[in-house]
Amino acid sequence: MLPLNHNLQKLVDIARKDKKIAIGLMSGTSLDGLDIALCRFSGNGLQTKFSLLQFTTIPYDDTFKQEVKAVFARRDADLEKVCLLNAYIGTYHAELVLQALADWNINPKTVDFIASHGQTIYHAPKRLHKQAGYPNATLQIGDGDHIAVKTGILTISDFRQKHIAAGGEGAPLALYGDVLLGSKAGENRILLNIGGIANLTYLPGDKDYTKILCTDIGPGNTLIDAACREYFNKPFDEDSRIAYSGKINDALLSELLSHPFFKEIAPKTTGPELFNLAFIKAAQERSNTLGISAEDLVCTLSAFTATTITDFITANFPADIKLFASGGGARNIYVMDSLMRGLPDVEIQDTAVLGIDPDAKEAILFALLGNEALCGEPIKIGDNPTVLMGKFSFAG
């Protein structure tokens, strides 16, 4: 029998380790920065044991943000720019990983693998693109080979493509990590992540996997942040100061809530391709609210995010649930206060009480998916694709 080449042998050796050190990378649609989570895993599947060793978010500079925005969620993006950014982002993320490891005084050779989400630049489920003959699709750039070669660490990336190939929409992938790390017998739970888009996973206390639901709900921070950038030259509404300085415009809120997406059957996915400044302007035109103040607009958009979440939870889940929030929106005081008022019977906390840093949750998720790709087996969860996800890139 011929021996395995050195890369495959190393892959087998890592997969067989009792404990693995992994880095999870997440770069969201808000383009705040790269989340880097250093994790330790043992076991796999429902026997997974996890600990977060280090976490940081390294902010992106304005130049990087503008480069990505040149192709982000644009149907008319420059193909050469997409090609160049694929390599550039992979190399840049590798540099940030090495920077974080140096700050933590950790030798890269002690890290078993990197699991990288990449940078989403377009998400196109069939419901959104409506082009006959074409399937669900999504595109994340930031090539895994560049990360692997630059860091010298095995890299697993491009997780969403397998999900789509197996019949899913490529999102939300929080389902798999939420089931493995967030379930508790006898307690109905919702794990709510409010990033650019808000998504949740419902975990029934009886652990009946046929009842689990993981779905996007609608906009999280994306519209609020877009309005803050457009009208206040601010990346986000710090401490909800802008929202609290305005008032809700009922006509605009009603028009925003009337979009057909909110009547579609879950599970469903969406993104900034739908929820963007053009979406806001069209709703203002239809509701004759183009003249409202920028403060009232941000307030109304904040209420819109909270209302879509509250309405979805009220319509779909039992009252005896506990909700655990994560993502940047979990720090949005206006949104969280609105959720507490709109869901008075629901106990709301952040995921820190589960041992999961709410800021690190998505980076941890991809590290977990990487661990499953190495040594797990597909888990059947309702009608979701029963697959292992991720593509392997060797360092040499």
Protein backbone atom coordinates (compact mmCIF):
# COMPACT_ATOMS: atom_id res chain seq x y z
CA MET A 1 0.00 0.00 0.00
CA LEU A 2 1.38 3.39 -1.00
CA PRO A 3 1.94 5.83 1.88
CA LEU A 4 -0.12 8.99 2.19
CA ASN A 5 1.54 12.22 1.10
CA HIS A 6 2.70 14.41 3.97
CA ASN A 7 -0.30 16.73 3.82
CA LEU A 8 -2.83 13.91 3.98
CA GLN A 9 -0.87 12.19 6.74
CA LYS A 10 -0.84 15.41 8.76
CA LEU A 11 -4.57 15.80 8.17
CA VAL A 12 -5.20 12.30 9.53
CA ASP A 13 -2.96 12.95 12.52
CA ILE A 14 -4.83 16.15 13.38
CA ALA A 15 -8.22 14.49 12.96
CA ARG A 16 -7.20 11.74 15.42
CA LYS A 17 -6.00 14.11 18.15
CA ASP A 18 -7.96 13.99 21.41
CA LYS A 19 -7.74 17.76 21.73
CA LYS A 20 -7.38 20.29 18.94
CA ILE A 21 -6.43 23.96 18.99
CA ALA A 22 -8.34 25.89 16.35
CA ILE A 23 -8.83 29.43 15.15
CA GLY A 24 -12.26 30.53 13.94
CA LEU A 25 -12.49 33.59 11.68
CA MET A 26 -15.59 35.63 11.00
CA SER A 27 -15.92 38.75 8.86
CA GLY A 28 -19.51 39.92 8.74
CA THR A 29 -21.50 42.11 6.39
CA SER A 30 -21.09 45.07 8.75
CA LEU A 31 -17.35 45.12 7.89
CA ASP A 32 -16.41 46.12 11.44
CA GLY A 33 -13.33 43.93 11.50
CA LEU A 34 -12.09 40.35 11.66
CA ASP A 35 -13.27 38.29 14.64
CA ILE A 36 -10.54 35.84 15.68
CA ALA A 37 -11.41 33.12 18.22
CA LEU A 38 -8.77 30.72 19.54
CA CYS A 39 -10.56 27.60 20.73
CA ARG A 40 -9.84 24.18 22.19
CA PHE A 41 -12.03 21.25 21.13
CA SER A 42 -12.30 17.66 22.23
CA GLY A 43 -14.74 15.16 20.82
CA ASN A 44 -17.23 15.90 18.08
CA GLY A 45 -20.95 16.03 17.43
CA LEU A 46 -23.11 15.98 20.54
CA GLN A 47 -20.04 14.96 22.60
CA THR A 48 -18.15 18.13 21.68
CA LYS A 49 -16.43 19.91 24.53
CA PHE A 50 -15.26 23.44 23.86
CA SER A 51 -13.39 26.26 25.54
CA LEU A 52 -12.56 29.75 24.29
CA LEU A 53 -8.89 30.48 24.95
CA GLN A 54 -8.55 33.92 23.37
CA PHE A 55 -10.70 36.30 21.36
CA THR A 56 -10.15 39.58 19.60
CA THR A 57 -11.69 41.70 16.89
CA ILE A 58 -9.14 43.54 14.77
CA PRO A 59 -10.91 46.53 13.19
CA TYR A 60 -10.71 47.12 9.45
CA ASP A 61 -9.34 50.45 8.30
CA ASP A 62 -11.39 52.69 6.03
CA THR A 63 -9.36 51.75 2.95
CA PHE A 64 -10.15 48.06 3.36
CA LYS A 65 -13.83 48.80 3.93
CA GLN A 66 -14.05 50.89 0.77
CA GLU A 67 -12.32 48.20 -1.29
CA VAL A 68 -14.85 45.58 -0.18
CA LYS A 69 -17.82 47.95 -0.56
CA ALA A 70 -16.83 48.42 -4.20
CA VAL A 71 -18.05 44.87 -4.88
CA PHE A 72 -20.29 44.16 -1.89
CA ALA A 73 -23.90 43.25 -2.75
CA ARG A 74 -23.50 44.81 -6.22
CA ARG A 75 -24.87 43.13 -9.32
CA ASP A 76 -22.56 45.28 -11.47
CA ALA A 77 -19.32 44.55 -9.56
CA ASP A 78 -15.97 44.79 -11.37
CA LEU A 79 -14.91 41.18 -12.05
CA GLU A 80 -11.20 42.04 -11.91
CA LYS A 81 -11.73 43.68 -8.52
CA VAL A 82 -13.50 40.54 -7.22
CA CYS A 83 -10.60 38.41 -8.47
CA LEU A 84 -8.00 40.62 -6.84
CA LEU A 85 -9.89 40.89 -3.55
CA ASN A 86 -10.22 37.13 -3.28
CA ALA A 87 -6.45 36.83 -2.99
CA TYR A 88 -5.97 40.10 -1.11
CA ILE A 89 -8.49 39.33 1.64
CA GLY A 90 -7.09 35.83 2.15
CA THR A 91 -3.59 37.25 2.56
CA TYR A 92 -4.80 40.11 4.76
CA HIS A 93 -6.76 37.80 7.06
CA ALA A 94 -3.67 35.60 7.38
CA GLU A 95 -1.65 38.63 8.44
CA LEU A 96 -4.25 39.51 11.07
CA VAL A 97 -4.19 35.94 12.40
CA LEU A 98 -0.43 36.07 12.77
CA GLN A 99 -0.74 39.46 14.46
CA ALA A 100 -3.24 38.07 16.98
CA LEU A 101 -1.08 35.02 17.71
CA ALA A 102 1.94 37.24 18.28
CA ASP A 103 -0.11 39.43 20.65
CA TRP A 104 -1.13 36.29 22.56
CA ASN A 105 2.47 34.96 22.51
CA ILE A 106 1.31 31.77 20.79
CA ASN A 107 3.43 29.89 18.26
CA PRO A 108 1.45 29.29 15.02
CA LYS A 109 2.85 25.74 14.95
CA THR A 110 0.73 24.90 18.01
CA VAL A 111 -2.50 25.68 16.12
CA ASP A 112 -4.01 22.63 14.41
CA PHE A 113 -6.31 24.41 11.97
CA ILE A 114 -7.96 27.65 10.94
CA ALA A 115 -11.65 27.73 10.01
CA SER A 116 -12.43 30.80 7.91
CA HIS A 117 -15.85 32.08 6.94
CA GLY A 118 -14.43 34.50 4.38
CA GLN A 119 -16.10 37.74 3.34
CA THR A 120 -19.58 37.50 1.88
CA ILE A 121 -19.93 39.77 -1.15
CA TYR A 122 -23.20 38.42 -2.56
CA HIS A 123 -25.97 36.17 -1.30
CA ALA A 124 -28.52 35.04 -3.88
CA PRO A 125 -31.17 32.50 -2.85
CA LYS A 126 -33.61 31.65 -5.64
CA ARG A 127 -36.37 33.55 -3.83
CA LEU A 128 -34.33 36.71 -4.27
CA HIS A 129 -32.69 36.38 -7.68
CA LYS A 130 -35.78 34.77 -9.35
CA GLN A 131 -33.78 33.70 -12.42
CA ALA A 132 -35.18 30.57 -14.02
CA GLY A 133 -32.79 27.65 -14.26
CA TYR A 134 -30.38 28.98 -11.65
CA PRO A 135 -30.04 27.52 -8.14
CA ASN A 136 -29.47 29.10 -4.75
CA ALA A 137 -26.07 30.74 -4.65
CA THR A 138 -23.74 32.66 -2.37
CA LEU A 139 -20.19 33.95 -2.67
CA GLN A 140 -17.59 34.41 0.04
CA ILE A 141 -14.10 35.56 -0.93
CA GLY A 142 -10.80 35.47 0.95
CA ASP A 143 -9.11 32.38 -0.46
CA GLY A 144 -8.24 29.61 2.00
CA ASP A 145 -5.02 28.63 0.22
CA HIS A 146 -3.63 32.11 0.79
CA ILE A 147 -4.43 31.87 4.50
CA ALA A 148 -2.86 28.41 4.77
CA VAL A 149 0.34 29.30 2.93
CA LYS A 150 0.82 32.63 4.72
CA THR A 151 0.22 31.23 8.23
CA GLY A 152 1.58 27.71 7.71
CA ILE A 153 -1.65 26.37 9.26
CA LEU A 154 -4.14 23.94 7.72
CA THR A 155 -7.16 26.03 6.69
CA ILE A 156 -10.79 25.00 6.22
CA SER A 157 -12.96 27.50 4.37
CA ASP A 158 -15.90 28.12 2.01
CA PHE A 159 -18.35 26.32 4.28
CA ARG A 160 -21.55 27.56 2.66
CA GLN A 161 -21.13 25.93 -0.74
CA LYS A 162 -21.73 22.36 0.48
CA HIS A 163 -24.90 23.49 2.23
CA ILE A 164 -26.19 24.90 -1.07
CA ALA A 165 -25.04 21.89 -3.09
CA ALA A 166 -27.07 19.69 -0.74
CA GLY A 167 -30.24 21.74 -1.24
CA GLY A 168 -29.93 24.51 1.35
CA GLU A 169 -29.56 28.26 0.91
CA GLY A 170 -26.08 28.43 2.45
CA ALA A 171 -27.40 30.20 5.55
CA PRO A 172 -27.87 30.50 8.38
CA LEU A 173 -25.20 28.02 9.47
CA ALA A 174 -25.61 28.92 13.14
CA LEU A 175 -27.93 25.91 13.35
CA TYR A 176 -25.16 23.36 13.71
CA GLY A 177 -23.19 25.15 16.40
CA ASP A 178 -26.32 26.16 18.28
CA VAL A 179 -27.51 22.55 18.45
CA LEU A 180 -24.14 21.22 19.60
CA LEU A 181 -23.37 23.95 22.14
CA GLY A 182 -26.70 25.51 23.08
CA SER A 183 -29.27 22.76 23.68
CA LYS A 184 -30.52 21.89 27.15
CA ALA A 185 -32.96 19.13 28.03
CA GLY A 186 -36.18 20.43 29.56
CA GLU A 187 -35.66 24.04 28.45
CA ASN A 188 -37.03 25.63 25.28
CA ARG A 189 -34.38 28.02 24.00
CA ILE A 190 -33.90 30.57 21.27
CA LEU A 191 -30.37 31.58 20.32
CA LEU A 192 -30.73 34.94 18.59
CA ASN A 193 -27.85 36.47 16.67
CA ILE A 194 -28.22 40.09 15.62
CA GLY A 195 -25.48 40.82 13.13
CA GLY A 196 -26.03 42.65 9.86
CA ILE A 197 -28.95 40.26 9.47
CA ALA A 198 -30.88 38.86 12.44
CA ASN A 199 -31.19 35.09 12.64
CA LEU A 200 -32.23 32.63 15.30
CA THR A 201 -32.21 28.96 16.20
CA TYR A 202 -35.09 27.46 18.17
CA LEU A 203 -33.99 24.54 20.35
CA PRO A 204 -36.90 22.61 21.92
CA GLY A 205 -36.40 21.30 25.43
CA ASP A 206 -37.46 17.78 24.42
CA LYS A 207 -34.50 17.70 21.98
CA ASP A 208 -36.79 16.61 19.15
CA TYR A 209 -34.61 17.59 16.20
CA THR A 210 -37.62 17.69 13.87
CA LYS A 211 -38.87 20.79 15.75
CA ILE A 212 -35.62 22.75 15.48
CA LEU A 213 -35.83 25.84 13.32
CA CYS A 214 -32.93 27.98 12.17
CA THR A 215 -33.76 30.95 9.97
CA ASP A 216 -32.99 34.51 9.08
CA ILE A 217 -35.64 36.90 10.37
CA GLY A 218 -34.79 40.15 8.63
CA PRO A 219 -32.43 43.08 9.08
CA GLY A 220 -30.35 43.27 12.23
CA ASN A 221 -27.87 46.14 12.19
CA THR A 222 -27.55 46.55 8.44
CA LEU A 223 -30.20 49.24 7.87
CA ILE A 224 -29.41 51.09 11.10
CA ASP A 225 -25.71 51.18 10.26
CA ALA A 226 -26.37 52.21 6.65
CA ALA A 227 -28.48 55.17 7.79
CA CYS A 228 -25.87 56.17 10.39
CA ARG A 229 -23.16 56.19 7.73
CA GLU A 230 -25.33 58.06 5.22
CA TYR A 231 -26.73 60.79 7.46
CA PHE A 232 -24.36 61.05 10.44
CA ASN A 233 -21.02 59.83 9.06
CA LYS A 234 -20.92 57.28 11.87
CA PRO A 235 -20.38 53.52 11.47
CA PHE A 236 -23.17 52.67 13.94
CA ASP A 237 -25.49 54.18 16.53
CA GLU A 238 -23.28 54.12 19.63
CA ASP A 239 -25.34 53.56 22.80
CA SER A 240 -28.47 54.11 20.63
CA ARG A 241 -28.08 57.86 21.11
CA ILE A 242 -29.47 58.68 17.69
CA ALA A 243 -32.42 56.31 18.01
CA TYR A 244 -33.36 57.71 21.41
CA SER A 245 -33.15 61.28 20.08
CA GLY A 246 -35.79 60.53 17.45
CA LYS A 247 -39.27 59.07 17.39
CA ILE A 248 -40.88 56.22 15.46
CA ASN A 249 -42.64 57.20 12.25
CA ASP A 250 -45.62 54.84 12.20
CA ALA A 251 -46.34 55.23 8.49
CA LEU A 252 -42.79 54.30 7.51
CA LEU A 253 -42.61 51.44 10.01
CA SER A 254 -45.86 50.00 8.65
CA GLU A 255 -44.54 50.21 5.09
CA LEU A 256 -41.25 48.53 6.00
CA LEU A 257 -43.10 45.70 7.72
CA SER A 258 -45.32 45.14 4.68
CA HIS A 259 -42.50 43.69 2.56
CA PRO A 260 -43.37 40.18 1.26
CA PHE A 261 -40.21 38.69 2.83
CA PHE A 262 -41.85 38.78 6.24
CA LYS A 263 -44.76 36.66 5.03
CA GLU A 264 -42.53 33.96 3.51
CA ILE A 265 -42.41 30.57 5.23
CA ALA A 266 -39.34 29.90 7.36
CA PRO A 267 -36.61 28.76 7.10
CA LYS A 268 -35.48 31.54 4.77
CA THR A 269 -32.41 33.65 4.20
CA THR A 270 -31.73 37.21 3.18
CA GLY A 271 -29.00 39.83 3.11
CA PRO A 272 -28.01 43.40 2.24
CA GLU A 273 -28.85 42.60 -1.38
CA LEU A 274 -32.47 43.23 -0.26
CA PHE A 275 -32.15 45.30 2.91
CA ASN A 276 -30.15 48.38 1.91
CA LEU A 277 -30.48 52.13 1.42
CA ALA A 278 -32.52 51.63 -1.77
CA PHE A 279 -34.98 49.50 0.24
CA ILE A 280 -35.33 52.32 2.78
CA LYS A 281 -35.81 55.00 0.15
CA ALA A 282 -38.45 52.98 -1.72
CA ALA A 283 -40.39 52.48 1.53
CA GLN A 284 -40.15 56.21 2.29
CA GLU A 285 -41.45 57.09 -1.16
CA ARG A 286 -44.42 54.75 -0.81
CA SER A 287 -45.25 56.09 2.66
CA ASN A 288 -44.62 59.77 1.82
CA THR A 289 -42.00 60.01 4.56
CA LEU A 290 -38.96 61.26 2.63
CA GLY A 291 -39.07 64.46 4.67
CA ILE A 292 -38.67 62.94 8.14
CA SER A 293 -35.59 63.79 10.18
CA ALA A 294 -32.54 61.55 10.11
CA GLU A 295 -33.00 60.94 13.84
CA ASP A 296 -36.57 59.75 13.28
CA LEU A 297 -35.33 57.51 10.45
CA VAL A 298 -32.73 55.78 12.64
CA CYS A 299 -35.28 55.42 15.42
CA THR A 300 -37.80 53.87 13.03
CA LEU A 301 -35.22 51.49 11.56
CA SER A 302 -34.21 50.41 15.07
CA ALA A 303 -37.87 49.76 15.87
CA PHE A 304 -38.18 47.87 12.57
CA THR A 305 -35.40 45.46 13.56
CA ALA A 306 -36.91 44.88 17.00
CA THR A 307 -40.47 44.51 15.69
CA THR A 308 -39.59 41.92 13.05
CA ILE A 309 -37.81 39.83 15.70
CA THR A 310 -40.62 40.20 18.24
CA ASP A 311 -43.36 39.42 15.71
CA PHE A 312 -41.54 36.32 14.43
CA ILE A 313 -40.94 34.89 17.90
CA THR A 314 -44.50 35.61 19.05
CA ALA A 315 -46.00 33.97 15.96
CA ASN A 316 -43.86 30.85 15.90
CA PHE A 317 -42.79 29.72 19.36
CA PRO A 318 -44.28 28.82 22.75
CA ALA A 319 -44.29 31.38 25.52
CA ASP A 320 -42.12 29.31 27.87
CA ILE A 321 -38.80 30.04 26.20
CA LYS A 322 -35.50 31.54 27.19
CA LEU A 323 -33.74 33.79 24.69
CA PHE A 324 -29.97 34.17 24.49
CA ALA A 325 -28.69 37.01 22.30
CA SER A 326 -25.36 37.52 20.55
CA GLY A 327 -23.83 39.69 17.84
CA GLY A 328 -23.34 43.43 17.63
CA GLY A 329 -27.09 44.02 17.90
CA ALA A 330 -27.08 42.49 21.37
CA ARG A 331 -25.31 45.70 22.45
CA ASN A 332 -27.89 47.94 20.75
CA ILE A 333 -29.69 49.29 23.79
CA TYR A 334 -32.75 50.50 21.86
CA VAL A 335 -33.27 47.18 20.09
CA MET A 336 -32.77 45.08 23.24
CA ASP A 337 -35.06 47.31 25.33
CA SER A 338 -37.69 46.99 22.60
CA LEU A 339 -37.37 43.21 22.63
CA MET A 340 -37.86 43.11 26.38
CA ARG A 341 -41.00 45.24 26.09
CA GLY A 342 -42.31 43.25 23.14
CA LEU A 343 -41.61 39.86 24.76
CA PRO A 344 -42.48 40.52 28.42
CA ASP A 345 -42.83 36.82 29.31
CA VAL A 346 -39.52 35.78 27.75
CA GLU A 347 -36.35 35.66 29.83
CA ILE A 348 -33.69 37.47 27.76
CA GLN A 349 -29.96 37.19 28.43
CA ASP A 350 -26.85 37.15 26.30
CA THR A 351 -24.96 33.98 25.40
CA ALA A 352 -22.23 34.68 27.96
CA VAL A 353 -24.33 32.80 30.52
CA LEU A 354 -23.93 29.73 28.30
CA GLY A 355 -20.16 30.14 28.32
CA ILE A 356 -20.20 31.62 24.81
CA ASP A 357 -18.82 35.14 24.39
CA PRO A 358 -21.64 36.92 22.47
CA ASP A 359 -19.13 38.84 20.36
CA ALA A 360 -17.15 35.69 19.55
CA LYS A 361 -20.09 33.39 18.86
CA GLU A 362 -19.93 33.35 15.06
CA ALA A 363 -16.15 32.90 14.98
CA ILE A 364 -16.54 30.03 17.46
CA LEU A 365 -19.24 28.55 15.20
CA PHE A 366 -16.87 28.28 12.25
CA ALA A 367 -14.12 26.79 14.41
CA LEU A 368 -16.73 24.21 15.47
CA LEU A 369 -17.69 23.51 11.86
CA GLY A 370 -14.01 23.02 11.11
CA ASN A 371 -13.74 20.50 13.93
CA GLU A 372 -16.75 18.64 12.55
CA ALA A 373 -15.23 18.65 9.05
CA LEU A 374 -12.13 16.99 10.49
CA CYS A 375 -13.60 14.34 12.76
CA GLY A 376 -17.40 14.58 12.80
CA GLU A 377 -20.23 12.85 11.01
CA PRO A 378 -23.24 14.56 9.40
CA ILE A 379 -26.08 15.18 11.85
CA LYS A 380 -29.70 15.00 10.75
CA ILE A 381 -31.55 18.11 11.98
CA GLY A 382 -35.05 18.43 10.56
CA ASP A 383 -35.08 19.15 6.83
CA ASN A 384 -31.68 20.81 6.86
CA PRO A 385 -28.88 19.40 4.68
CA THR A 386 -27.16 16.52 6.45
CA VAL A 387 -23.60 17.32 5.42
CA LEU A 388 -20.15 18.22 6.66
CA MET A 389 -18.99 21.55 5.29
CA GLY A 390 -15.68 23.15 4.41
CA LYS A 391 -12.85 22.85 1.89
CA PHE A 392 -9.32 21.95 2.98
CA SER A 393 -6.29 24.03 2.08
CA PHE A 394 -2.83 22.71 2.99
CA ALA A 395 0.04 24.96 3.96
CA GLY A 396 2.49 23.42 1.51
